[in-house]
Amino acid sequence: MVSPRLLFAAPASGSGKTTIVCGLLRALKNRGKGVRAFKCGPDFIDPLFHETVVGVPSGTLDLFFSDRDQLRRLFCRHAAGAEISLIEGVMGYYDGLGAATDRASSYEVAKALDAPVVLVVDSRGQSLSALAALIGFLRFRPDSRIRGVIFNRMSEGVYGALKPEVEKLGLRSLGYVPRAPEVMVESRHLGLVTPGEIEDLGQKLDVLAALLERTVDVDGLLKLAAEAPALIVPPAPPLPILPRTRIAVARDEAFCFLYRDNLDLLEDCSAALTFFSPLHDRALPEETQGLLLPGGYPELYAAALSANEPMRRSIREAIQGGLPCLAECGGFLYLHRELEDMEGRFHPMAGVLDARAYRTSRLGRFGYITLSAREDTAFLPVGESVRGHEFHYFESEACGDALHAQKPTGNRGWDCGHSRGNLLMGFPHLYYPSNPKLIERFLRACAKEV
């Protein structure tokens, strides 16, 4: 498959990747280009910004969740028909699963997709030293795949002086971005704020796109992307033919952490997805046969979620009546008896789990995990596993012990999760394609084929 593509990486988080990628997506869309966006790693929030700019969901590219062949299939599926795809890296370019490995890094994704890399170098407080950092990244691996550079927070004068030096290295000097605080995105405890919380986001994106058209060689980026070779993609393993089932998926301001690949797998297995809002709707959709409660920010909307007592009752009674349900992180918090908000007040929630969920001051458990069943559950039996990740400042009085989470490096692991009949819930965010059989069992339970 021929698919023009670029991966944007950086020496470290906070270098400006998201801002620059979103600005370029907007600039390309304003030019009338058909663009697609992707994000390396397990992040949910950056893809929400991509989706806001492009108008279609952003894809996840992660070599812990997927092997090389599956990664290529997922990329080609979502990039089909696009004139160019922009891939945003994660953390530092070579940072992988552990402190001293590049496994599952942006670098590994670039190799798997044979993608040219543009390094975004944050140059605040630097001039020639920015070039030293660039040279280090270029030489750290013989096949670095770095083909060009954009300097962030650099003045026009400094860029003009450094550009000839960059070109002596055999790299393309593709522009600079001056300091522009008016288009920067603020952060909170789980990362960036979500797009819906930024006033006049569309106007800010247009301002950013216009700025990049002046200071970045967008035509040069298009030319570099077109040099990416065709990808050979092996066929996907067949999926089972399952009965049509209607799955209610929570999606609103409070529940917005959804992997596109998870939803695609459900639909590929004949599920009909119906989106609803625990904040604004009064009951589950009619004829619901299964329920997904994903992660998000329920702690920011705890009062409003609590005030919607009819929805809390609808969900509680449906689950207690045997409705199959997968609930993770924010969805898990919602199923507690009470949830603490950001001001320290507790609010009644759905009450499926007789426990409180409360705020802590630090990340207790975070990062990639492989989950295995400690006991047979409805959807994951002993002997099978599914991959996922945890990232949360909130804690529960009852985290559960139906599953065991194991970090991919080192010896750290912990028990977590609850399995009750047709309910599987806990803090981990699951990546369904890492074990499609879990979803097959879930959908068979929804169709009452158990």
Protein backbone atom coordinates (compact mmCIF):
# COMPACT_ATOMS: atom_id res chain seq x y z
CA MET A 1 0.00 0.00 0.00
CA VAL A 2 1.33 3.44 -0.97
CA SER A 3 0.71 5.84 1.92
CA PRO A 4 2.65 9.12 2.33
CA ARG A 5 3.51 9.49 6.01
CA LEU A 6 5.69 11.26 8.54
CA LEU A 7 6.42 10.56 12.19
CA PHE A 8 7.04 13.61 14.41
CA ALA A 9 9.30 12.82 17.35
CA ALA A 10 11.16 14.85 19.98
CA PRO A 11 13.98 14.46 22.49
CA ALA A 12 11.49 14.60 25.38
CA SER A 13 7.87 15.13 26.36
CA GLY A 14 6.82 18.76 26.44
CA SER A 15 8.81 19.68 23.34
CA GLY A 16 5.76 20.84 21.39
CA LYS A 17 4.90 17.76 19.32
CA THR A 18 1.14 17.96 19.89
CA THR A 19 0.94 21.68 19.16
CA ILE A 20 2.97 21.38 15.96
CA VAL A 21 1.20 18.25 14.71
CA CYS A 22 -2.24 19.78 15.34
CA GLY A 23 -1.18 22.99 13.61
CA LEU A 24 0.12 21.09 10.59
CA LEU A 25 -3.02 18.94 10.44
CA ARG A 26 -5.07 22.12 10.36
CA ALA A 27 -2.83 23.75 7.75
CA LEU A 28 -3.03 20.68 5.49
CA LYS A 29 -6.79 20.44 5.91
CA ASN A 30 -7.10 24.15 5.07
CA ARG A 31 -5.18 23.35 1.88
CA GLY A 32 -7.82 20.77 1.02
CA LYS A 33 -5.60 17.76 1.68
CA GLY A 34 -7.03 14.46 2.83
CA VAL A 35 -5.19 13.89 6.10
CA ARG A 36 -5.15 11.22 8.79
CA ALA A 37 -3.63 11.41 12.27
CA PHE A 38 -2.06 8.78 14.52
CA LYS A 39 -0.56 8.73 18.00
CA CYS A 40 2.20 6.46 19.30
CA GLY A 41 1.63 5.03 22.77
CA PRO A 42 -1.44 4.52 24.94
CA ASP A 43 -2.48 8.17 25.26
CA PHE A 44 -6.15 9.16 24.87
CA ILE A 45 -6.03 12.96 25.00
CA ASP A 46 -3.69 13.83 22.12
CA PRO A 47 -5.87 11.78 19.71
CA LEU A 48 -8.90 13.83 20.83
CA PHE A 49 -7.10 16.94 19.57
CA HIS A 50 -6.24 15.19 16.31
CA GLU A 51 -9.88 14.19 15.86
CA THR A 52 -11.02 17.76 16.50
CA VAL A 53 -8.71 19.03 13.76
CA VAL A 54 -9.18 16.28 11.16
CA GLY A 55 -12.81 15.32 11.80
CA VAL A 56 -12.14 11.57 12.00
CA PRO A 57 -10.84 9.53 14.95
CA SER A 58 -7.07 9.32 15.41
CA GLY A 59 -5.43 5.89 15.29
CA THR A 60 -3.31 4.30 18.03
CA LEU A 61 0.10 2.89 17.04
CA ASP A 62 1.64 0.95 19.91
CA LEU A 63 4.17 -1.89 19.74
CA PHE A 64 3.37 -3.11 23.24
CA PHE A 65 -0.29 -3.52 22.35
CA SER A 66 0.38 -4.82 18.81
CA ASP A 67 3.05 -6.76 16.97
CA ARG A 68 4.67 -5.38 13.81
CA ASP A 69 2.22 -7.00 11.36
CA GLN A 70 -0.84 -5.90 13.32
CA LEU A 71 0.58 -2.37 13.61
CA ARG A 72 0.97 -2.19 9.83
CA ARG A 73 -2.56 -3.49 9.29
CA LEU A 74 -4.04 -0.93 11.67
CA PHE A 75 -2.09 1.91 10.08
CA CYS A 76 -3.09 0.96 6.55
CA ARG A 77 -6.72 0.50 7.51
CA HIS A 78 -7.02 3.99 8.94
CA ALA A 79 -4.72 5.67 6.42
CA ALA A 80 -6.60 4.29 3.40
CA GLY A 81 -7.54 7.06 0.99
CA ALA A 82 -5.48 9.74 2.74
CA GLU A 83 -3.09 11.99 0.86
CA ILE A 84 -0.83 12.17 3.92
CA SER A 85 -0.73 10.73 7.46
CA LEU A 86 0.94 12.49 10.37
CA ILE A 87 2.05 10.30 13.28
CA GLU A 88 2.76 11.95 16.64
CA GLY A 89 5.43 10.21 18.70
CA VAL A 90 5.38 9.62 22.44
CA MET A 91 7.84 10.81 25.12
CA GLY A 92 11.44 10.99 23.87
CA TYR A 93 12.10 9.41 20.48
CA TYR A 94 14.08 6.44 21.83
CA ASP A 95 12.16 6.01 25.12
CA GLY A 96 10.64 2.54 25.37
CA LEU A 97 9.10 0.18 27.90
CA GLY A 98 11.95 0.50 30.38
CA ALA A 99 14.63 3.00 31.32
CA ALA A 100 17.29 1.32 29.14
CA THR A 101 15.33 -0.11 26.21
CA ASP A 102 13.86 1.33 23.02
CA ARG A 103 11.29 -1.48 22.75
CA ALA A 104 7.87 -0.05 21.79
CA SER A 105 9.37 3.44 21.38
CA SER A 106 8.49 5.95 18.65
CA TYR A 107 11.74 4.89 17.01
CA GLU A 108 10.51 1.29 16.84
CA VAL A 109 7.19 2.44 15.36
CA ALA A 110 9.05 4.47 12.71
CA LYS A 111 11.04 1.35 11.78
CA ALA A 112 7.95 -0.87 11.67
CA LEU A 113 6.14 1.58 9.37
CA ASP A 114 9.23 2.58 7.37
CA ALA A 115 8.27 6.19 8.12
CA PRO A 116 10.53 9.25 7.67
CA VAL A 117 11.00 11.07 10.98
CA VAL A 118 10.95 14.81 11.64
CA LEU A 119 12.54 15.67 14.98
CA VAL A 120 10.95 18.55 16.92
CA VAL A 121 13.71 20.18 18.97
CA ASP A 122 12.65 22.55 21.76
CA SER A 123 15.23 25.33 21.50
CA ARG A 124 14.18 27.59 24.34
CA GLY A 125 17.30 29.20 25.81
CA GLN A 126 19.55 27.62 23.15
CA SER A 127 21.15 28.40 19.84
CA LEU A 128 24.07 26.20 18.73
CA SER A 129 23.38 23.77 21.58
CA ALA A 130 20.13 22.82 19.83
CA LEU A 131 22.28 21.51 16.99
CA ALA A 132 24.34 19.42 19.41
CA ALA A 133 21.14 17.78 20.69
CA LEU A 134 20.08 17.07 17.11
CA ILE A 135 23.43 15.47 16.25
CA GLY A 136 23.20 13.26 19.33
CA PHE A 137 19.79 11.91 18.31
CA LEU A 138 20.93 11.45 14.73
CA ARG A 139 23.94 9.34 15.73
CA PHE A 140 22.47 7.43 18.69
CA ARG A 141 21.22 4.74 16.30
CA PRO A 142 22.85 4.16 12.89
CA ASP A 143 19.38 3.81 11.34
CA SER A 144 17.79 6.71 13.24
CA ARG A 145 15.36 7.38 10.36
CA ILE A 146 15.56 11.11 11.21
CA ARG A 147 15.29 12.97 7.91
CA GLY A 148 14.40 16.49 8.98
CA VAL A 149 14.06 18.88 11.90
CA ILE A 150 11.72 21.63 13.10
CA PHE A 151 13.00 23.90 15.87
CA ASN A 152 10.35 24.91 18.40
CA ARG A 153 10.51 28.17 20.39
CA MET A 154 13.29 29.56 18.19
CA SER A 155 13.59 33.04 16.70
CA GLU A 156 13.80 33.72 12.98
CA GLY A 157 17.33 35.09 13.34
CA VAL A 158 18.72 32.08 15.17
CA TYR A 159 17.02 29.72 12.72
CA GLY A 160 18.53 31.51 9.75
CA ALA A 161 21.99 31.09 11.25
CA LEU A 162 21.53 27.38 12.05
CA LYS A 163 19.81 26.26 8.84
CA PRO A 164 23.02 25.90 6.77
CA GLU A 165 24.61 23.90 9.61
CA VAL A 166 21.63 21.52 9.68
CA GLU A 167 21.88 20.96 5.94
CA LYS A 168 25.59 20.08 6.28
CA LEU A 169 24.42 17.07 8.33
CA GLY A 170 22.42 15.80 5.37
CA LEU A 171 19.12 16.72 7.05
CA ARG A 172 16.26 18.85 5.81
CA SER A 173 15.81 22.01 7.84
CA LEU A 174 12.03 22.23 7.72
CA GLY A 175 11.40 25.38 9.69
CA TYR A 176 10.97 26.86 13.11
CA VAL A 177 8.14 27.86 15.45
CA PRO A 178 8.54 31.10 17.42
CA ARG A 179 7.19 31.43 20.94
CA ALA A 180 3.41 31.66 20.67
CA PRO A 181 1.79 31.28 24.12
CA GLU A 182 -1.62 32.22 22.72
CA VAL A 183 -1.86 28.85 20.94
CA MET A 184 -0.38 26.61 23.64
CA VAL A 185 -2.55 23.97 25.33
CA GLU A 186 -2.71 23.85 29.14
CA SER A 187 -2.40 20.68 31.23
CA ARG A 188 -4.06 18.99 34.22
CA HIS A 189 -3.55 15.91 36.37
CA LEU A 190 -3.96 13.36 33.55
CA GLY A 191 -2.23 15.43 30.87
CA LEU A 192 -3.63 17.99 28.49
CA VAL A 193 -7.11 19.41 28.94
CA THR A 194 -9.61 18.00 26.45
CA PRO A 195 -10.51 19.92 23.27
CA GLY A 196 -14.05 20.72 24.41
CA GLU A 197 -12.70 22.69 27.38
CA ILE A 198 -10.65 25.15 25.32
CA GLU A 199 -12.46 28.33 24.42
CA ASP A 200 -12.28 29.26 20.72
CA LEU A 201 -10.21 26.17 19.89
CA GLY A 202 -11.05 26.39 16.20
CA GLN A 203 -9.85 29.98 16.04
CA LYS A 204 -6.64 29.07 17.89
CA LEU A 205 -5.98 26.24 15.46
CA ASP A 206 -6.44 28.57 12.49
CA VAL A 207 -4.02 31.07 14.03
CA LEU A 208 -1.52 28.26 14.62
CA ALA A 209 -1.96 26.90 11.09
CA ALA A 210 -1.36 30.35 9.60
CA LEU A 211 1.77 30.75 11.73
CA LEU A 212 3.18 27.39 10.58
CA GLU A 213 2.46 28.23 6.94
CA ARG A 214 4.82 31.20 7.39
CA THR A 215 7.60 29.54 9.40
CA VAL A 216 7.52 25.83 8.45
CA ASP A 217 8.26 24.34 5.01
CA VAL A 218 4.91 22.59 4.58
CA ASP A 219 5.66 21.79 0.93
CA GLY A 220 8.93 20.23 2.05
CA LEU A 221 7.04 18.07 4.55
CA LEU A 222 4.67 16.88 1.82
CA LYS A 223 7.64 15.99 -0.38
CA LEU A 224 9.36 14.07 2.42
CA ALA A 225 6.17 12.15 3.25
CA ALA A 226 5.79 11.12 -0.39
CA GLU A 227 9.20 9.46 -0.23
CA ALA A 228 7.96 6.83 2.25
CA PRO A 229 8.00 3.43 0.52
CA ALA A 230 4.96 1.25 -0.03
CA LEU A 231 4.03 -1.00 2.89
CA ILE A 232 3.52 -4.75 2.54
CA VAL A 233 0.71 -5.79 4.86
CA PRO A 234 -0.08 -9.43 5.69
CA PRO A 235 -3.76 -10.44 5.86
CA ALA A 236 -5.52 -10.31 9.21
CA PRO A 237 -6.54 -13.51 11.01
CA PRO A 238 -10.25 -14.28 10.49
CA LEU A 239 -12.73 -13.19 13.13
CA PRO A 240 -15.67 -15.33 14.28
CA ILE A 241 -19.12 -14.78 12.81
CA LEU A 242 -21.26 -13.62 15.72
CA PRO A 243 -24.92 -12.66 16.13
CA ARG A 244 -25.75 -8.96 15.80
CA THR A 245 -25.79 -7.36 19.24
CA ARG A 246 -26.57 -3.83 20.39
CA ILE A 247 -23.87 -2.41 22.66
CA ALA A 248 -24.36 0.84 24.59
CA VAL A 249 -21.12 2.83 24.84
CA ALA A 250 -20.81 5.74 27.29
CA ARG A 251 -19.35 8.77 25.52
CA ASP A 252 -19.57 12.37 26.71
CA GLU A 253 -17.49 14.96 28.56
CA ALA A 254 -16.96 12.59 31.50
CA PHE A 255 -16.29 9.41 29.50
CA CYS A 256 -14.12 10.10 26.47
CA PHE A 257 -11.17 7.69 26.67
CA LEU A 258 -11.94 5.26 23.87
CA TYR A 259 -9.51 3.43 21.61
CA ARG A 260 -10.70 3.53 18.02
CA ASP A 261 -9.31 0.01 17.54
CA ASN A 262 -11.50 -1.30 20.36
CA LEU A 263 -14.64 0.08 18.72
CA ASP A 264 -13.54 -1.21 15.31
CA LEU A 265 -13.06 -4.71 16.71
CA LEU A 266 -16.53 -4.69 18.23
CA GLU A 267 -18.06 -3.61 14.92
CA ASP A 268 -15.97 -6.15 13.00
CA CYS A 269 -17.54 -8.77 15.27
CA SER A 270 -21.05 -7.61 14.26
CA ALA A 271 -21.77 -5.34 17.24
CA ALA A 272 -24.00 -2.33 16.63
CA LEU A 273 -22.69 0.51 18.80
CA THR A 274 -25.07 3.03 20.35
CA PHE A 275 -23.45 5.97 22.13
CA PHE A 276 -25.13 7.50 25.16
CA SER A 277 -24.34 10.03 27.88
CA PRO A 278 -24.39 9.20 31.61
CA LEU A 279 -24.35 12.98 32.11
CA HIS A 280 -27.22 14.04 29.87
CA ASP A 281 -29.41 11.01 29.10
CA ARG A 282 -31.92 9.65 31.57
CA ALA A 283 -31.63 5.92 30.86
CA LEU A 284 -29.71 3.35 28.85
CA PRO A 285 -30.71 3.10 25.17
CA GLU A 286 -33.61 0.78 24.47
CA GLU A 287 -32.83 -2.83 23.61
CA THR A 288 -29.30 -2.59 25.03
CA GLN A 289 -27.66 -6.04 25.18
CA GLY A 290 -24.24 -5.01 26.49
CA LEU A 291 -22.58 -2.03 28.14
CA LEU A 292 -19.16 -0.37 27.85
CA LEU A 293 -18.14 2.20 30.46
CA PRO A 294 -14.75 3.61 29.34
CA GLY A 295 -12.35 5.92 31.13
CA GLY A 296 -12.40 9.69 31.25
CA TYR A 297 -12.83 12.42 33.84
CA PRO A 298 -15.85 11.47 35.99
CA GLU A 299 -14.19 13.21 38.96
CA LEU A 300 -14.60 16.56 37.17
CA TYR A 301 -18.31 15.92 36.65
CA ALA A 302 -19.09 13.99 39.84
CA ALA A 303 -21.85 16.37 40.98
CA ALA A 304 -23.62 16.30 37.62
CA LEU A 305 -23.28 12.51 37.30
CA SER A 306 -24.68 12.12 40.80
CA ALA A 307 -27.58 14.48 40.08
CA ASN A 308 -28.66 12.26 37.18
CA GLU A 309 -30.21 9.71 39.50
CA PRO A 310 -32.40 8.07 36.82
CA MET A 311 -29.31 7.14 34.79
CA ARG A 312 -27.47 5.86 37.86
CA ARG A 313 -30.46 3.69 38.69
CA SER A 314 -30.84 2.50 35.08
CA ILE A 315 -27.22 1.33 34.93
CA ARG A 316 -27.24 -0.22 38.40
CA GLU A 317 -30.42 -2.18 37.77
CA ALA A 318 -29.28 -3.33 34.33
CA ILE A 319 -25.96 -4.68 35.63
CA GLN A 320 -27.56 -6.27 38.67
CA GLY A 321 -30.05 -7.85 36.27
CA GLY A 322 -27.22 -9.55 34.37
CA LEU A 323 -26.43 -7.10 31.54
CA PRO A 324 -22.86 -7.87 30.34
CA CYS A 325 -20.59 -4.94 31.11
CA LEU A 326 -16.94 -3.93 30.67
CA ALA A 327 -15.97 -0.96 32.86
CA GLU A 328 -12.48 0.54 33.05
CA CYS A 329 -10.88 3.33 35.06
CA GLY A 330 -13.36 6.24 34.94
CA GLY A 331 -16.17 3.80 34.19
CA PHE A 332 -15.05 1.74 37.17
CA LEU A 333 -15.13 4.85 39.38
CA TYR A 334 -18.69 5.55 38.25
CA LEU A 335 -19.82 2.12 39.44
CA HIS A 336 -18.70 2.82 43.02
CA ARG A 337 -21.07 3.75 45.82
CA GLU A 338 -19.43 7.18 46.13
CA LEU A 339 -16.82 9.19 44.21
CA GLU A 340 -14.74 12.09 45.53
CA ASP A 341 -14.54 15.18 43.31
CA MET A 342 -11.60 17.55 42.87
CA GLU A 343 -12.76 19.68 45.82
CA GLY A 344 -12.85 16.77 48.27
CA ARG A 345 -16.62 16.26 48.26
CA PHE A 346 -18.11 12.78 47.91
CA HIS A 347 -21.06 12.13 45.59
CA PRO A 348 -23.33 9.09 45.21
CA MET A 349 -22.62 7.10 42.05
CA ALA A 350 -24.20 4.01 40.47
CA GLY A 351 -23.60 1.86 43.56
CA VAL A 352 -22.80 -1.42 41.80
CA LEU A 353 -19.65 -1.71 43.93
CA ASP A 354 -20.16 -1.01 47.65
CA ALA A 355 -17.01 1.09 48.08
CA ARG A 356 -15.71 4.65 47.90
CA ALA A 357 -13.36 6.00 45.23
CA TYR A 358 -11.13 8.82 46.39
CA ARG A 359 -8.42 11.17 45.18
CA THR A 360 -4.71 10.73 45.98
CA SER A 361 -1.77 13.07 45.46
CA ARG A 362 0.26 10.84 43.13
CA LEU A 363 0.17 8.11 40.52
CA GLY A 364 0.07 4.87 42.44
CA ARG A 365 0.11 2.38 39.57
CA PHE A 366 0.78 3.44 36.02
CA GLY A 367 2.19 2.23 32.73
CA TYR A 368 1.84 -0.79 30.48
CA ILE A 369 0.58 -4.05 31.96
CA THR A 370 -0.32 -7.57 30.89
CA LEU A 371 -3.45 -8.75 32.67
CA SER A 372 -4.04 -12.43 33.38
CA ALA A 373 -6.99 -14.00 35.15
CA ARG A 374 -6.41 -15.28 38.69
CA GLU A 375 -9.76 -17.05 38.41
CA ASP A 376 -12.05 -17.85 35.52
CA THR A 377 -14.08 -14.78 34.59
CA ALA A 378 -16.93 -14.47 32.12
CA PHE A 379 -14.69 -13.02 29.41
CA LEU A 380 -11.10 -13.93 30.38
CA PRO A 381 -10.38 -17.46 31.62
CA VAL A 382 -7.31 -18.63 33.51
CA GLY A 383 -4.44 -19.12 31.06
CA GLU A 384 -5.27 -16.12 28.85
CA SER A 385 -4.16 -12.51 29.05
CA VAL A 386 -4.97 -9.11 27.61
CA ARG A 387 -2.75 -6.05 27.38
CA GLY A 388 -3.55 -2.61 28.70
CA HIS A 389 -2.29 0.21 30.87
CA GLU A 390 -3.07 2.09 34.08
CA PHE A 391 -2.77 5.83 34.71
CA HIS A 392 -4.82 7.33 37.52
CA TYR A 393 -4.56 9.53 40.59
CA PHE A 394 -7.75 8.14 42.08
CA GLU A 395 -7.93 5.03 44.23
CA SER A 396 -10.61 2.63 45.43
CA GLU A 397 -11.38 1.05 48.78
CA ALA A 398 -11.89 -2.16 46.76
CA CYS A 399 -9.57 -2.47 43.74
CA GLY A 400 -10.37 -6.16 43.39
CA ASP A 401 -8.19 -9.24 42.84
CA ALA A 402 -9.77 -11.17 39.96
CA LEU A 403 -6.86 -10.26 37.67
CA HIS A 404 -3.10 -9.93 38.02
CA ALA A 405 -1.34 -7.02 36.34
CA GLN A 406 2.32 -7.53 35.42
CA LYS A 407 4.66 -4.80 34.21
CA PRO A 408 6.58 -5.68 31.00
CA THR A 409 9.97 -4.95 32.59
CA GLY A 410 11.13 -5.71 36.12
CA ASN A 411 9.22 -7.79 38.63
CA ARG A 412 6.49 -5.40 39.69
CA GLY A 413 2.90 -6.59 39.54
CA TRP A 414 -0.35 -6.28 41.46
CA ASP A 415 -3.82 -7.78 41.72
CA CYS A 416 -6.79 -5.78 40.50
CA GLY A 417 -10.24 -5.94 38.99
CA HIS A 418 -13.61 -7.47 39.83
CA SER A 419 -15.44 -10.23 38.03
CA ARG A 420 -19.09 -10.75 38.94
CA GLY A 421 -21.14 -12.84 36.56
CA ASN A 422 -21.20 -10.85 33.31
CA LEU A 423 -19.36 -7.83 34.78
CA LEU A 424 -15.62 -7.19 34.45
CA MET A 425 -14.43 -3.90 35.96
CA GLY A 426 -11.26 -2.30 37.26
CA PHE A 427 -8.72 0.47 36.77
CA PRO A 428 -6.87 -0.97 33.73
CA HIS A 429 -7.63 0.36 30.26
CA LEU A 430 -7.85 -2.70 28.01
CA TYR A 431 -6.67 -2.92 24.41
CA TYR A 432 -9.18 -5.39 22.96
CA PRO A 433 -7.23 -6.40 19.79
CA SER A 434 -4.48 -7.84 22.02
CA ASN A 435 -6.97 -10.66 22.80
CA PRO A 436 -9.99 -10.72 20.47
CA LYS A 437 -11.32 -13.81 22.26
CA LEU A 438 -12.20 -11.59 25.25
CA ILE A 439 -14.51 -9.57 23.01
CA GLU A 440 -15.90 -12.71 21.38
CA ARG A 441 -16.93 -14.01 24.82
CA PHE A 442 -18.35 -10.63 25.80
CA LEU A 443 -20.49 -10.44 22.66
CA ARG A 444 -21.64 -14.04 23.01
CA ALA A 445 -22.76 -13.22 26.54
CA CYS A 446 -24.59 -10.18 25.17
CA ALA A 447 -26.33 -12.44 22.65
CA LYS A 448 -26.93 -14.96 25.46
CA GLU A 449 -24.84 -17.60 23.65
CA VAL A 450 -23.09 -18.83 26.80
